Every structure is written in C-alpha cells, then in structure tokens.
N, C-alpha and C. Protein backbone atom coordinates (compact mmCIF):
# COMPACT_ATOMS: atom_id res chain seq x y z
N MET A 1 1.34 8.96 20.28
CA MET A 1 1.38 8.02 19.17
C MET A 1 2.85 7.66 18.93
N THR A 2 3.12 6.39 18.70
CA THR A 2 4.47 5.90 18.45
C THR A 2 4.74 5.87 16.96
N GLN A 3 5.94 6.29 16.58
CA GLN A 3 6.31 6.28 15.18
C GLN A 3 7.12 5.01 14.88
N ILE A 4 6.78 4.34 13.78
CA ILE A 4 7.46 3.11 13.36
C ILE A 4 7.91 3.28 11.92
N THR A 5 9.12 2.83 11.62
CA THR A 5 9.64 2.86 10.26
C THR A 5 9.65 1.44 9.71
N LEU A 6 9.06 1.26 8.53
CA LEU A 6 9.01 -0.04 7.88
C LEU A 6 9.81 0.00 6.58
N THR A 7 10.50 -1.07 6.28
CA THR A 7 11.16 -1.23 5.00
C THR A 7 10.37 -2.27 4.23
N LEU A 8 9.82 -1.86 3.09
CA LEU A 8 8.94 -2.73 2.32
C LEU A 8 9.51 -3.00 0.94
N PRO A 9 9.23 -4.17 0.38
CA PRO A 9 9.65 -4.45 -1.00
C PRO A 9 8.96 -3.48 -1.96
N ASP A 10 9.62 -3.19 -3.08
CA ASP A 10 9.07 -2.26 -4.06
C ASP A 10 7.69 -2.68 -4.56
N ALA A 11 7.46 -3.98 -4.72
CA ALA A 11 6.16 -4.46 -5.20
C ALA A 11 5.05 -4.09 -4.22
N ILE A 12 5.33 -4.21 -2.94
CA ILE A 12 4.33 -3.84 -1.92
C ILE A 12 4.10 -2.33 -1.94
N VAL A 13 5.16 -1.56 -2.07
CA VAL A 13 5.04 -0.10 -2.12
C VAL A 13 4.19 0.32 -3.32
N ALA A 14 4.44 -0.32 -4.47
CA ALA A 14 3.66 0.01 -5.67
C ALA A 14 2.19 -0.29 -5.45
N GLN A 15 1.91 -1.41 -4.82
CA GLN A 15 0.52 -1.78 -4.55
C GLN A 15 -0.11 -0.80 -3.55
N LEU A 16 0.64 -0.41 -2.53
CA LEU A 16 0.15 0.58 -1.56
C LEU A 16 -0.18 1.89 -2.25
N GLU A 17 0.72 2.34 -3.12
CA GLU A 17 0.51 3.61 -3.82
C GLU A 17 -0.74 3.57 -4.69
N ARG A 18 -0.97 2.44 -5.36
CA ARG A 18 -2.19 2.30 -6.18
C ARG A 18 -3.44 2.36 -5.30
N GLN A 19 -3.40 1.65 -4.18
CA GLN A 19 -4.56 1.62 -3.28
C GLN A 19 -4.83 3.01 -2.70
N ILE A 20 -3.78 3.71 -2.33
CA ILE A 20 -3.93 5.06 -1.77
C ILE A 20 -4.56 5.99 -2.80
N LYS A 21 -4.07 5.89 -4.03
CA LYS A 21 -4.60 6.74 -5.09
C LYS A 21 -6.06 6.41 -5.37
N GLN A 22 -6.40 5.13 -5.44
CA GLN A 22 -7.78 4.71 -5.70
C GLN A 22 -8.73 5.21 -4.61
N ARG A 23 -8.28 5.20 -3.38
CA ARG A 23 -9.14 5.58 -2.26
C ARG A 23 -9.02 7.05 -1.90
N ASN A 24 -8.10 7.75 -2.57
CA ASN A 24 -7.91 9.18 -2.32
C ASN A 24 -7.65 9.44 -0.83
N MET A 25 -6.70 8.67 -0.28
CA MET A 25 -6.36 8.78 1.14
C MET A 25 -4.88 9.16 1.28
N SER A 26 -4.51 9.65 2.43
CA SER A 26 -3.10 9.88 2.71
C SER A 26 -2.45 8.55 3.08
N LEU A 27 -1.14 8.47 2.94
CA LEU A 27 -0.42 7.25 3.30
C LEU A 27 -0.65 6.91 4.77
N ASP A 28 -0.56 7.91 5.64
CA ASP A 28 -0.76 7.68 7.08
C ASP A 28 -2.14 7.09 7.36
N ASP A 29 -3.19 7.70 6.78
CA ASP A 29 -4.55 7.22 7.02
C ASP A 29 -4.75 5.81 6.49
N PHE A 30 -4.19 5.55 5.29
CA PHE A 30 -4.38 4.24 4.68
C PHE A 30 -3.67 3.14 5.49
N VAL A 31 -2.43 3.38 5.89
CA VAL A 31 -1.69 2.39 6.66
C VAL A 31 -2.35 2.18 8.02
N LEU A 32 -2.81 3.24 8.64
CA LEU A 32 -3.51 3.11 9.91
C LEU A 32 -4.77 2.25 9.74
N LYS A 33 -5.50 2.45 8.65
CA LYS A 33 -6.69 1.66 8.37
C LYS A 33 -6.31 0.19 8.12
N LEU A 34 -5.23 -0.05 7.39
CA LEU A 34 -4.78 -1.43 7.15
C LEU A 34 -4.49 -2.15 8.46
N PHE A 35 -3.73 -1.50 9.33
CA PHE A 35 -3.39 -2.12 10.60
C PHE A 35 -4.64 -2.31 11.47
N SER A 36 -5.51 -1.31 11.50
CA SER A 36 -6.73 -1.42 12.30
C SER A 36 -7.58 -2.58 11.82
N ASP A 37 -7.76 -2.68 10.50
CA ASP A 37 -8.56 -3.77 9.94
C ASP A 37 -7.92 -5.12 10.22
N ALA A 38 -6.60 -5.18 10.09
CA ALA A 38 -5.90 -6.45 10.32
C ALA A 38 -6.02 -6.88 11.78
N LEU A 39 -5.92 -5.94 12.69
CA LEU A 39 -6.00 -6.27 14.11
C LEU A 39 -7.41 -6.68 14.51
N MET A 40 -8.41 -6.16 13.81
CA MET A 40 -9.80 -6.51 14.11
C MET A 40 -10.19 -7.83 13.45
N ALA A 41 -9.41 -8.25 12.44
CA ALA A 41 -9.72 -9.49 11.73
C ALA A 41 -9.39 -10.68 12.61
N GLU A 42 -9.82 -11.84 12.17
CA GLU A 42 -9.56 -13.08 12.91
C GLU A 42 -8.06 -13.35 12.94
N PRO A 43 -7.52 -13.78 14.06
CA PRO A 43 -6.09 -14.07 14.14
C PRO A 43 -5.68 -15.13 13.13
N VAL A 44 -4.49 -14.99 12.58
CA VAL A 44 -4.00 -15.91 11.57
C VAL A 44 -3.98 -17.34 12.09
N ASP A 45 -3.65 -17.54 13.37
CA ASP A 45 -3.58 -18.91 13.90
C ASP A 45 -4.95 -19.56 14.03
N ALA A 46 -6.02 -18.77 13.86
CA ALA A 46 -7.36 -19.35 13.93
C ALA A 46 -7.87 -19.78 12.55
N LEU A 47 -7.10 -19.47 11.49
CA LEU A 47 -7.52 -19.87 10.15
C LEU A 47 -7.41 -21.38 10.00
N PRO A 48 -8.16 -21.96 9.06
CA PRO A 48 -8.21 -23.41 8.97
C PRO A 48 -6.99 -24.05 8.32
N PHE A 49 -5.97 -23.29 7.96
CA PHE A 49 -4.81 -23.85 7.29
C PHE A 49 -3.69 -24.13 8.28
N PRO A 50 -3.01 -25.25 8.13
CA PRO A 50 -1.90 -25.56 9.03
C PRO A 50 -0.71 -24.65 8.74
N GLU A 51 0.11 -24.43 9.77
CA GLU A 51 1.28 -23.56 9.59
C GLU A 51 2.29 -24.21 8.65
N ASN A 52 2.53 -25.49 8.80
CA ASN A 52 3.42 -26.12 7.83
C ASN A 52 2.52 -26.91 6.88
N HIS A 53 2.82 -26.82 5.61
CA HIS A 53 1.93 -27.37 4.60
C HIS A 53 2.09 -28.88 4.41
N THR A 54 2.78 -29.54 5.32
CA THR A 54 2.89 -30.99 5.22
C THR A 54 1.67 -31.66 5.84
N ASP A 55 0.97 -30.93 6.72
CA ASP A 55 -0.25 -31.47 7.32
C ASP A 55 -1.36 -31.45 6.27
N SER A 56 -2.41 -32.18 6.53
CA SER A 56 -3.52 -32.18 5.58
C SER A 56 -4.36 -30.93 5.77
N PHE A 57 -4.92 -30.46 4.68
CA PHE A 57 -5.79 -29.30 4.72
C PHE A 57 -7.19 -29.75 5.12
N PRO A 58 -8.03 -28.80 5.56
CA PRO A 58 -9.40 -29.18 5.91
C PRO A 58 -10.14 -29.63 4.66
N SER A 59 -11.23 -30.31 4.86
CA SER A 59 -12.03 -30.75 3.71
C SER A 59 -12.58 -29.52 2.99
N LEU A 60 -12.95 -29.73 1.75
CA LEU A 60 -13.52 -28.64 0.97
C LEU A 60 -14.79 -28.11 1.64
N GLN A 61 -15.60 -28.99 2.16
CA GLN A 61 -16.83 -28.57 2.84
C GLN A 61 -16.53 -27.72 4.07
N ALA A 62 -15.50 -28.12 4.83
CA ALA A 62 -15.12 -27.34 6.02
C ALA A 62 -14.62 -25.96 5.61
N LEU A 63 -13.85 -25.91 4.53
CA LEU A 63 -13.34 -24.63 4.06
C LEU A 63 -14.47 -23.73 3.58
N VAL A 64 -15.41 -24.28 2.81
CA VAL A 64 -16.55 -23.50 2.34
C VAL A 64 -17.38 -23.01 3.53
N SER A 65 -17.59 -23.85 4.52
CA SER A 65 -18.32 -23.44 5.72
C SER A 65 -17.61 -22.29 6.42
N LYS A 66 -16.28 -22.37 6.51
CA LYS A 66 -15.48 -21.31 7.14
C LYS A 66 -15.63 -20.00 6.37
N ILE A 67 -15.59 -20.08 5.04
CA ILE A 67 -15.74 -18.88 4.21
C ILE A 67 -17.13 -18.28 4.39
N LYS A 68 -18.15 -19.12 4.39
CA LYS A 68 -19.52 -18.63 4.55
C LYS A 68 -19.73 -17.98 5.92
N ALA A 69 -19.04 -18.48 6.93
CA ALA A 69 -19.20 -17.95 8.30
C ALA A 69 -18.39 -16.68 8.53
N THR A 70 -17.47 -16.37 7.64
CA THR A 70 -16.63 -15.18 7.79
C THR A 70 -17.42 -13.94 7.41
N PRO A 71 -17.51 -12.96 8.30
CA PRO A 71 -18.27 -11.75 7.97
C PRO A 71 -17.52 -10.92 6.93
N PRO A 72 -18.24 -10.12 6.16
CA PRO A 72 -17.57 -9.28 5.15
C PRO A 72 -16.67 -8.25 5.82
N ASN A 73 -15.61 -7.91 5.15
CA ASN A 73 -14.69 -6.89 5.63
C ASN A 73 -15.13 -5.55 5.04
N PRO A 74 -15.64 -4.64 5.84
CA PRO A 74 -16.13 -3.36 5.32
C PRO A 74 -15.06 -2.59 4.54
N ALA A 75 -13.80 -2.81 4.85
CA ALA A 75 -12.74 -2.10 4.14
C ALA A 75 -12.65 -2.53 2.68
N LEU A 76 -13.14 -3.73 2.37
CA LEU A 76 -13.06 -4.24 1.01
C LEU A 76 -14.32 -3.97 0.20
N ILE A 77 -15.32 -3.39 0.82
CA ILE A 77 -16.57 -3.11 0.12
C ILE A 77 -16.50 -1.70 -0.46
N ILE A 78 -16.59 -1.62 -1.77
CA ILE A 78 -16.55 -0.33 -2.46
C ILE A 78 -17.95 -0.04 -2.97
N PRO A 79 -18.58 0.99 -2.42
CA PRO A 79 -19.96 1.27 -2.83
C PRO A 79 -20.01 1.72 -4.30
N PRO A 80 -21.08 1.39 -5.00
CA PRO A 80 -21.19 1.79 -6.41
C PRO A 80 -21.37 3.29 -6.54
N THR A 81 -20.95 3.82 -7.68
CA THR A 81 -21.11 5.25 -7.94
C THR A 81 -22.29 5.50 -8.87
N GLN A 82 -22.78 4.41 -9.52
CA GLN A 82 -23.93 4.50 -10.42
C GLN A 82 -24.77 3.25 -10.26
N THR A 83 -26.04 3.37 -10.62
CA THR A 83 -26.87 2.18 -10.64
C THR A 83 -26.59 1.42 -11.93
N LEU A 84 -26.92 0.14 -11.94
CA LEU A 84 -26.74 -0.67 -13.14
C LEU A 84 -27.57 -0.09 -14.28
N ALA A 85 -28.77 0.37 -13.97
CA ALA A 85 -29.64 0.97 -15.00
C ALA A 85 -28.97 2.19 -15.64
N ALA A 86 -28.30 3.01 -14.83
CA ALA A 86 -27.62 4.19 -15.36
C ALA A 86 -26.46 3.79 -16.28
N VAL A 87 -25.74 2.75 -15.90
CA VAL A 87 -24.64 2.28 -16.73
C VAL A 87 -25.16 1.74 -18.06
N VAL A 88 -26.22 0.94 -18.01
CA VAL A 88 -26.82 0.39 -19.23
C VAL A 88 -27.33 1.51 -20.12
N THR A 89 -27.98 2.49 -19.53
CA THR A 89 -28.48 3.63 -20.30
C THR A 89 -27.32 4.36 -20.97
N ASP A 90 -26.24 4.56 -20.24
CA ASP A 90 -25.07 5.23 -20.80
C ASP A 90 -24.49 4.42 -21.97
N TRP A 91 -24.41 3.10 -21.81
CA TRP A 91 -23.91 2.25 -22.90
C TRP A 91 -24.83 2.34 -24.12
N GLN A 92 -26.13 2.40 -23.86
CA GLN A 92 -27.08 2.45 -24.98
C GLN A 92 -27.05 3.80 -25.70
N THR A 93 -26.87 4.87 -24.95
CA THR A 93 -26.84 6.19 -25.58
C THR A 93 -25.48 6.52 -26.18
N HIS A 94 -24.44 5.86 -25.71
CA HIS A 94 -23.09 6.08 -26.24
C HIS A 94 -22.46 4.73 -26.58
N PRO A 95 -22.98 4.06 -27.62
CA PRO A 95 -22.44 2.73 -27.94
C PRO A 95 -20.98 2.81 -28.38
N ALA A 96 -20.27 1.74 -28.09
CA ALA A 96 -18.87 1.68 -28.50
C ALA A 96 -18.79 1.62 -30.01
N GLU A 97 -17.80 2.27 -30.54
CA GLU A 97 -17.58 2.23 -31.98
C GLU A 97 -16.29 1.47 -32.23
N GLU A 98 -16.19 0.93 -33.42
CA GLU A 98 -15.02 0.14 -33.75
C GLU A 98 -13.74 0.96 -33.61
N ALA A 99 -13.83 2.25 -33.89
CA ALA A 99 -12.65 3.10 -33.86
C ALA A 99 -12.32 3.62 -32.46
N ASP A 100 -13.09 3.19 -31.44
CA ASP A 100 -12.85 3.68 -30.09
C ASP A 100 -11.45 3.34 -29.59
N ILE A 101 -10.94 2.17 -29.95
CA ILE A 101 -9.61 1.79 -29.48
C ILE A 101 -8.88 1.08 -30.63
N MET A 102 -7.72 1.56 -30.91
CA MET A 102 -6.92 0.99 -32.00
C MET A 102 -6.13 -0.20 -31.46
N SER A 103 -5.71 -1.04 -32.36
CA SER A 103 -4.99 -2.26 -31.99
C SER A 103 -3.73 -1.94 -31.18
N ALA A 104 -2.98 -0.94 -31.61
CA ALA A 104 -1.74 -0.59 -30.90
C ALA A 104 -2.05 -0.11 -29.48
N GLU A 105 -3.12 0.65 -29.33
CA GLU A 105 -3.50 1.13 -27.99
C GLU A 105 -3.94 -0.04 -27.12
N TRP A 106 -4.70 -0.98 -27.70
CA TRP A 106 -5.11 -2.17 -26.96
C TRP A 106 -3.88 -2.94 -26.49
N ASP A 107 -2.90 -3.12 -27.37
CA ASP A 107 -1.67 -3.84 -27.01
C ASP A 107 -0.94 -3.14 -25.88
N ARG A 108 -0.88 -1.79 -25.94
CA ARG A 108 -0.20 -1.03 -24.90
C ARG A 108 -0.94 -1.19 -23.57
N LEU A 109 -2.27 -1.08 -23.60
CA LEU A 109 -3.05 -1.22 -22.37
C LEU A 109 -2.93 -2.63 -21.80
N TRP A 110 -2.91 -3.63 -22.67
CA TRP A 110 -2.79 -5.01 -22.20
C TRP A 110 -1.43 -5.24 -21.56
N ALA A 111 -0.37 -4.71 -22.18
CA ALA A 111 0.98 -4.85 -21.60
C ALA A 111 1.05 -4.16 -20.24
N GLU A 112 0.41 -3.00 -20.12
CA GLU A 112 0.38 -2.28 -18.84
C GLU A 112 -0.37 -3.11 -17.79
N PHE A 113 -1.49 -3.69 -18.19
CA PHE A 113 -2.26 -4.54 -17.27
C PHE A 113 -1.40 -5.72 -16.81
N GLU A 114 -0.71 -6.36 -17.73
CA GLU A 114 0.12 -7.51 -17.37
C GLU A 114 1.25 -7.11 -16.41
N ARG A 115 1.85 -5.93 -16.63
CA ARG A 115 2.89 -5.45 -15.70
C ARG A 115 2.32 -5.25 -14.31
N GLU A 116 1.16 -4.59 -14.24
CA GLU A 116 0.52 -4.35 -12.94
C GLU A 116 0.14 -5.67 -12.27
N GLN A 117 -0.37 -6.61 -13.05
CA GLN A 117 -0.76 -7.91 -12.49
C GLN A 117 0.46 -8.65 -11.95
N LYS A 118 1.58 -8.54 -12.65
CA LYS A 118 2.81 -9.18 -12.19
C LYS A 118 3.25 -8.60 -10.84
N ILE A 119 3.13 -7.28 -10.70
CA ILE A 119 3.49 -6.63 -9.44
C ILE A 119 2.57 -7.13 -8.32
N ILE A 120 1.28 -7.21 -8.61
CA ILE A 120 0.31 -7.69 -7.62
C ILE A 120 0.61 -9.14 -7.26
N ASP A 121 0.88 -9.97 -8.27
CA ASP A 121 1.19 -11.38 -8.02
C ASP A 121 2.44 -11.52 -7.16
N GLN A 122 3.47 -10.71 -7.44
CA GLN A 122 4.70 -10.75 -6.65
C GLN A 122 4.42 -10.32 -5.22
N ALA A 123 3.65 -9.27 -5.04
CA ALA A 123 3.32 -8.80 -3.70
C ALA A 123 2.51 -9.85 -2.94
N ASP A 124 1.58 -10.51 -3.63
CA ASP A 124 0.80 -11.58 -2.99
C ASP A 124 1.72 -12.74 -2.58
N ALA A 125 2.64 -13.10 -3.47
CA ALA A 125 3.56 -14.20 -3.17
C ALA A 125 4.42 -13.86 -1.95
N ILE A 126 4.88 -12.61 -1.88
CA ILE A 126 5.68 -12.17 -0.73
C ILE A 126 4.84 -12.21 0.53
N ALA A 127 3.60 -11.69 0.44
CA ALA A 127 2.73 -11.67 1.62
C ALA A 127 2.38 -13.08 2.10
N GLU A 128 2.30 -14.02 1.16
CA GLU A 128 1.96 -15.40 1.51
C GLU A 128 3.19 -16.24 1.85
N GLY A 129 4.38 -15.62 1.76
CA GLY A 129 5.61 -16.32 2.11
C GLY A 129 6.10 -17.29 1.05
N HIS A 130 5.65 -17.09 -0.20
CA HIS A 130 6.07 -17.97 -1.28
C HIS A 130 7.27 -17.43 -2.05
N ALA A 131 7.70 -16.23 -1.73
CA ALA A 131 8.81 -15.64 -2.51
C ALA A 131 9.98 -15.34 -1.60
C-alpha cells in the first residue's frame, strides 16, 4: 500500500471529522471509502456540465433525465434506526413541553448550527472551485 500525504483546508478537515464521528469510522477507513466511492462513480468529464461555464448548460429536462438515470450511491444511504411508527409513538408518549428548551439555549443551538453550516458551505465552495 502506498502512503500519501494531503494538505487540506481547515473547513474540509472539520467536515471530515464530523463525518468520521457520525459514521464511527477511523480516518483511514473513511478516506479509503471516499476514494473508493469516488473512483467507482461516474467520471467528472461525463457529467452534463461544461468545464467552462461560458457554454450553455443542458436543458432542464436533460438534467432531470440525467439525475433520474443516476443510480443511488450506497455510501450516502443511512439506514433508519427506528420505524416511523416507533418515532410517532415516542413523540406521543413523551410530548414536548414548553420548558423543554429555553430561548437562550435555542439561540445558542441556532448559532452553532449557523457556524457549522458556514463551514459546510465553505467546504462545498472550495470543492466546487468557487472559493
């Protein structure tokens, strides 16, 4: 096996760390899976978008047809841990109360969400070559 060293932007590293934690995987296993999935995916040059954005894009119908014809990526499918009925039953037996979350806590959680979303947006922009 060949060893490769990558230098990544902090936003990408933060996103990698979140994904690793969510999937309970090691960094090596997760990166190997990313590369394997990417190599098995359709080549970028086969996508319907032109390399330089001065060309016209495909019609909306052509794009929708392309999306419909694309098989699902098993790496992106997260199996459920509960049935919908179990979740509804849990909600019914443990209804939310007004005091469950205070305004200050909501504000803190929302600010945290916005920070994380900004990191994701920055990483997406970098990956798409917009940054």
